[in-house]
Amino acid sequence: MNTPEERPNPDEALARARAAREQIATALDEDQGPDPDESLGWQPIWKRPRKPKSKAAKKAELREQRKRLHEAAKRRLAARNSRRPRSRQNRIGNAATRRDARALSRVRHSNAWLW
């Protein structure tokens, strides 16, 4: 265990912390980044400072994005429709024909004629 002589005095530690607080505050207040006028040379794109876009540029970008998405949706729709056969319901117009088709299907899928 620590003897009372080895333990630091809490009042002294508090006084040291308060004295160091001013030094820490001045260090944090210093400008961390380079000046905007200063040339930085080449930097990767994720480290470059951002330049805000104008409203017109934003709208143009969104318009292009919307157009790309719309065209992609059309391509997906065309690809999906080209691979899928049309349903029987669309090929057969009225109820009577549908009934006949159902009967024919039953005959076709049954094994009644194989005995």
C-alpha atoms as a PDB file:
ATOM      1  CA  MET A   1       0.000   0.000   0.000  1.00  0.00           C
ATOM      2  CA  ASN A   2       1.040   3.561  -0.499  1.00  0.00           C
ATOM      3  CA  THR A   3       2.271   5.481   2.476  1.00  0.00           C
ATOM      4  CA  PRO A   4       0.900   8.997   2.980  1.00  0.00           C
ATOM      5  CA  GLU A   5       4.261  10.475   1.922  1.00  0.00           C
ATOM      6  CA  GLU A   6       4.104   8.746  -1.510  1.00  0.00           C
ATOM      7  CA  ARG A   7       0.569   9.811  -2.341  1.00  0.00           C
ATOM      8  CA  PRO A   8       0.323  13.131  -4.223  1.00  0.00           C
ATOM      9  CA  ASN A   9      -1.586  15.900  -2.575  1.00  0.00           C
ATOM     10  CA  PRO A  10      -4.953  16.352  -4.377  1.00  0.00           C
ATOM     11  CA  ASP A  11      -4.766  20.136  -3.998  1.00  0.00           C
ATOM     12  CA  GLU A  12      -1.357  20.250  -5.680  1.00  0.00           C
ATOM     13  CA  ALA A  13      -2.581  18.018  -8.544  1.00  0.00           C
ATOM     14  CA  LEU A  14      -5.606  20.288  -9.030  1.00  0.00           C
ATOM     15  CA  ALA A  15      -3.392  23.391  -9.099  1.00  0.00           C
ATOM     16  CA  ARG A  16      -1.077  21.759 -11.692  1.00  0.00           C
ATOM     17  CA  ALA A  17      -4.075  20.784 -13.850  1.00  0.00           C
ATOM     18  CA  ARG A  18      -5.469  24.324 -13.731  1.00  0.00           C
ATOM     19  CA  ALA A  19      -2.075  25.760 -14.722  1.00  0.00           C
ATOM     20  CA  ALA A  20      -1.788  23.321 -17.632  1.00  0.00           C
ATOM     21  CA  ARG A  21      -5.333  24.102 -18.765  1.00  0.00           C
ATOM     22  CA  GLU A  22      -4.273  27.440 -20.253  1.00  0.00           C
ATOM     23  CA  GLN A  23      -1.397  25.834 -22.145  1.00  0.00           C
ATOM     24  CA  ILE A  24      -3.691  23.128 -23.545  1.00  0.00           C
ATOM     25  CA  ALA A  25      -6.283  25.711 -24.586  1.00  0.00           C
ATOM     26  CA  THR A  26      -3.691  27.764 -26.474  1.00  0.00           C
ATOM     27  CA  ALA A  27      -2.392  24.620 -28.200  1.00  0.00           C
ATOM     28  CA  LEU A  28      -5.907  23.656 -29.278  1.00  0.00           C
ATOM     29  CA  ASP A  29      -6.727  27.163 -30.494  1.00  0.00           C
ATOM     30  CA  GLU A  30      -3.805  27.172 -32.905  1.00  0.00           C
ATOM     31  CA  ASP A  31      -4.829  26.712 -36.529  1.00  0.00           C
ATOM     32  CA  GLN A  32      -4.355  23.018 -37.211  1.00  0.00           C
ATOM     33  CA  GLY A  33      -4.792  23.094 -40.990  1.00  0.00           C
ATOM     34  CA  PRO A  34      -2.832  24.922 -43.655  1.00  0.00           C
ATOM     35  CA  ASP A  35      -3.797  28.395 -44.842  1.00  0.00           C
ATOM     36  CA  PRO A  36      -6.319  28.453 -47.699  1.00  0.00           C
ATOM     37  CA  ASP A  37      -3.934  30.565 -49.797  1.00  0.00           C
ATOM     38  CA  GLU A  38      -1.062  28.151 -49.284  1.00  0.00           C
ATOM     39  CA  SER A  39      -0.483  25.642 -52.089  1.00  0.00           C
ATOM     40  CA  LEU A  40      -0.766  22.072 -50.880  1.00  0.00           C
ATOM     41  CA  GLY A  41       0.617  20.274 -53.910  1.00  0.00           C
ATOM     42  CA  TRP A  42      -0.987  17.023 -54.979  1.00  0.00           C
ATOM     43  CA  GLN A  43      -3.404  15.426 -52.541  1.00  0.00           C
ATOM     44  CA  PRO A  44      -5.696  12.431 -52.817  1.00  0.00           C
ATOM     45  CA  ILE A  45      -9.255  13.378 -53.631  1.00  0.00           C
ATOM     46  CA  TRP A  46     -10.571  12.460 -50.170  1.00  0.00           C
ATOM     47  CA  LYS A  47      -8.164  14.920 -48.536  1.00  0.00           C
ATOM     48  CA  ARG A  48      -8.835  17.854 -50.811  1.00  0.00           C
ATOM     49  CA  PRO A  49     -10.936  20.698 -49.437  1.00  0.00           C
ATOM     50  CA  ARG A  50     -14.522  20.606 -50.651  1.00  0.00           C
ATOM     51  CA  LYS A  51     -15.754  23.200 -53.066  1.00  0.00           C
ATOM     52  CA  PRO A  52     -19.480  23.831 -52.718  1.00  0.00           C
ATOM     53  CA  LYS A  53     -21.416  23.338 -55.952  1.00  0.00           C
ATOM     54  CA  SER A  54     -23.749  25.939 -57.340  1.00  0.00           C
ATOM     55  CA  LYS A  55     -27.481  25.228 -57.440  1.00  0.00           C
ATOM     56  CA  ALA A  56     -27.377  24.890 -61.215  1.00  0.00           C
ATOM     57  CA  ALA A  57     -24.552  22.341 -61.019  1.00  0.00           C
ATOM     58  CA  LYS A  58     -26.426  20.326 -58.373  1.00  0.00           C
ATOM     59  CA  LYS A  59     -29.610  20.312 -60.446  1.00  0.00           C
ATOM     60  CA  ALA A  60     -27.719  19.302 -63.589  1.00  0.00           C
ATOM     61  CA  GLU A  61     -26.075  16.427 -61.715  1.00  0.00           C
ATOM     62  CA  LEU A  62     -29.414  15.247 -60.331  1.00  0.00           C
ATOM     63  CA  ARG A  63     -30.983  15.482 -63.782  1.00  0.00           C
ATOM     64  CA  GLU A  64     -28.201  13.306 -65.219  1.00  0.00           C
ATOM     65  CA  GLN A  65     -28.588  10.808 -62.370  1.00  0.00           C
ATOM     66  CA  ARG A  66     -32.358  10.636 -62.868  1.00  0.00           C
ATOM     67  CA  LYS A  67     -31.865  10.081 -66.594  1.00  0.00           C
ATOM     68  CA  ARG A  68     -29.343   7.268 -65.966  1.00  0.00           C
ATOM     69  CA  LEU A  69     -31.665   5.556 -63.495  1.00  0.00           C
ATOM     70  CA  HIS A  70     -34.629   5.880 -65.843  1.00  0.00           C
ATOM     71  CA  GLU A  71     -32.687   4.349 -68.724  1.00  0.00           C
ATOM     72  CA  ALA A  72     -31.469   1.511 -66.486  1.00  0.00           C
ATOM     73  CA  ALA A  73     -35.056   0.800 -65.410  1.00  0.00           C
ATOM     74  CA  LYS A  74     -36.117   0.638 -69.060  1.00  0.00           C
ATOM     75  CA  ARG A  75     -33.291  -1.792 -69.824  1.00  0.00           C
ATOM     76  CA  ARG A  76     -34.211  -3.994 -66.864  1.00  0.00           C
ATOM     77  CA  LEU A  77     -37.863  -4.003 -67.900  1.00  0.00           C
ATOM     78  CA  ALA A  78     -37.011  -4.930 -71.476  1.00  0.00           C
ATOM     79  CA  ALA A  79     -34.679  -7.701 -70.339  1.00  0.00           C
ATOM     80  CA  ARG A  80     -37.239  -9.115 -67.941  1.00  0.00           C
ATOM     81  CA  ASN A  81     -40.025  -9.072 -70.502  1.00  0.00           C
ATOM     82  CA  SER A  82     -37.922 -10.653 -73.203  1.00  0.00           C
ATOM     83  CA  ARG A  83     -37.097 -13.658 -71.022  1.00  0.00           C
ATOM     84  CA  ARG A  84     -40.562 -14.299 -69.619  1.00  0.00           C
ATOM     85  CA  PRO A  85     -43.110 -16.090 -71.739  1.00  0.00           C
ATOM     86  CA  ARG A  86     -46.529 -14.527 -71.855  1.00  0.00           C
ATOM     87  CA  SER A  87     -49.031 -16.011 -69.472  1.00  0.00           C
ATOM     88  CA  ARG A  88     -51.760 -18.293 -70.762  1.00  0.00           C
ATOM     89  CA  GLN A  89     -54.377 -15.810 -69.563  1.00  0.00           C
ATOM     90  CA  ASN A  90     -53.124 -13.216 -72.033  1.00  0.00           C
ATOM     91  CA  ARG A  91     -53.072 -15.641 -74.934  1.00  0.00           C
ATOM     92  CA  ILE A  92     -56.565 -16.985 -74.353  1.00  0.00           C
ATOM     93  CA  GLY A  93     -59.219 -14.345 -74.710  1.00  0.00           C
ATOM     94  CA  ASN A  94     -62.602 -15.410 -73.386  1.00  0.00           C
ATOM     95  CA  ALA A  95     -63.829 -17.662 -70.596  1.00  0.00           C
ATOM     96  CA  ALA A  96     -65.068 -20.473 -72.871  1.00  0.00           C
ATOM     97  CA  THR A  97     -61.707 -20.796 -74.544  1.00  0.00           C
ATOM     98  CA  ARG A  98     -60.024 -20.754 -71.152  1.00  0.00           C
ATOM     99  CA  ARG A  99     -62.336 -23.582 -70.020  1.00  0.00           C
ATOM    100  CA  ASP A 100     -61.486 -25.629 -73.094  1.00  0.00           C
ATOM    101  CA  ALA A 101     -57.796 -24.993 -72.556  1.00  0.00           C
ATOM    102  CA  ARG A 102     -58.114 -26.138 -68.946  1.00  0.00           C
ATOM    103  CA  ALA A 103     -59.854 -29.348 -70.053  1.00  0.00           C
ATOM    104  CA  LEU A 104     -57.217 -29.990 -72.696  1.00  0.00           C
ATOM    105  CA  SER A 105     -54.516 -29.395 -70.097  1.00  0.00           C
ATOM    106  CA  ARG A 106     -56.109 -31.934 -67.761  1.00  0.00           C
ATOM    107  CA  VAL A 107     -56.211 -34.496 -70.533  1.00  0.00           C
ATOM    108  CA  ARG A 108     -52.665 -33.742 -71.520  1.00  0.00           C
ATOM    109  CA  HIS A 109     -51.315 -34.058 -67.959  1.00  0.00           C
ATOM    110  CA  SER A 110     -53.353 -37.112 -66.973  1.00  0.00           C
ATOM    111  CA  ASN A 111     -52.108 -40.656 -67.491  1.00  0.00           C
ATOM    112  CA  ALA A 112     -55.584 -42.030 -68.353  1.00  0.00           C
ATOM    113  CA  TRP A 113     -54.677 -43.052 -71.911  1.00  0.00           C
ATOM    114  CA  LEU A 114     -51.548 -44.984 -70.896  1.00  0.00           C
ATOM    115  CA  TRP A 115     -53.263 -48.219 -69.715  1.00  0.00           C
END
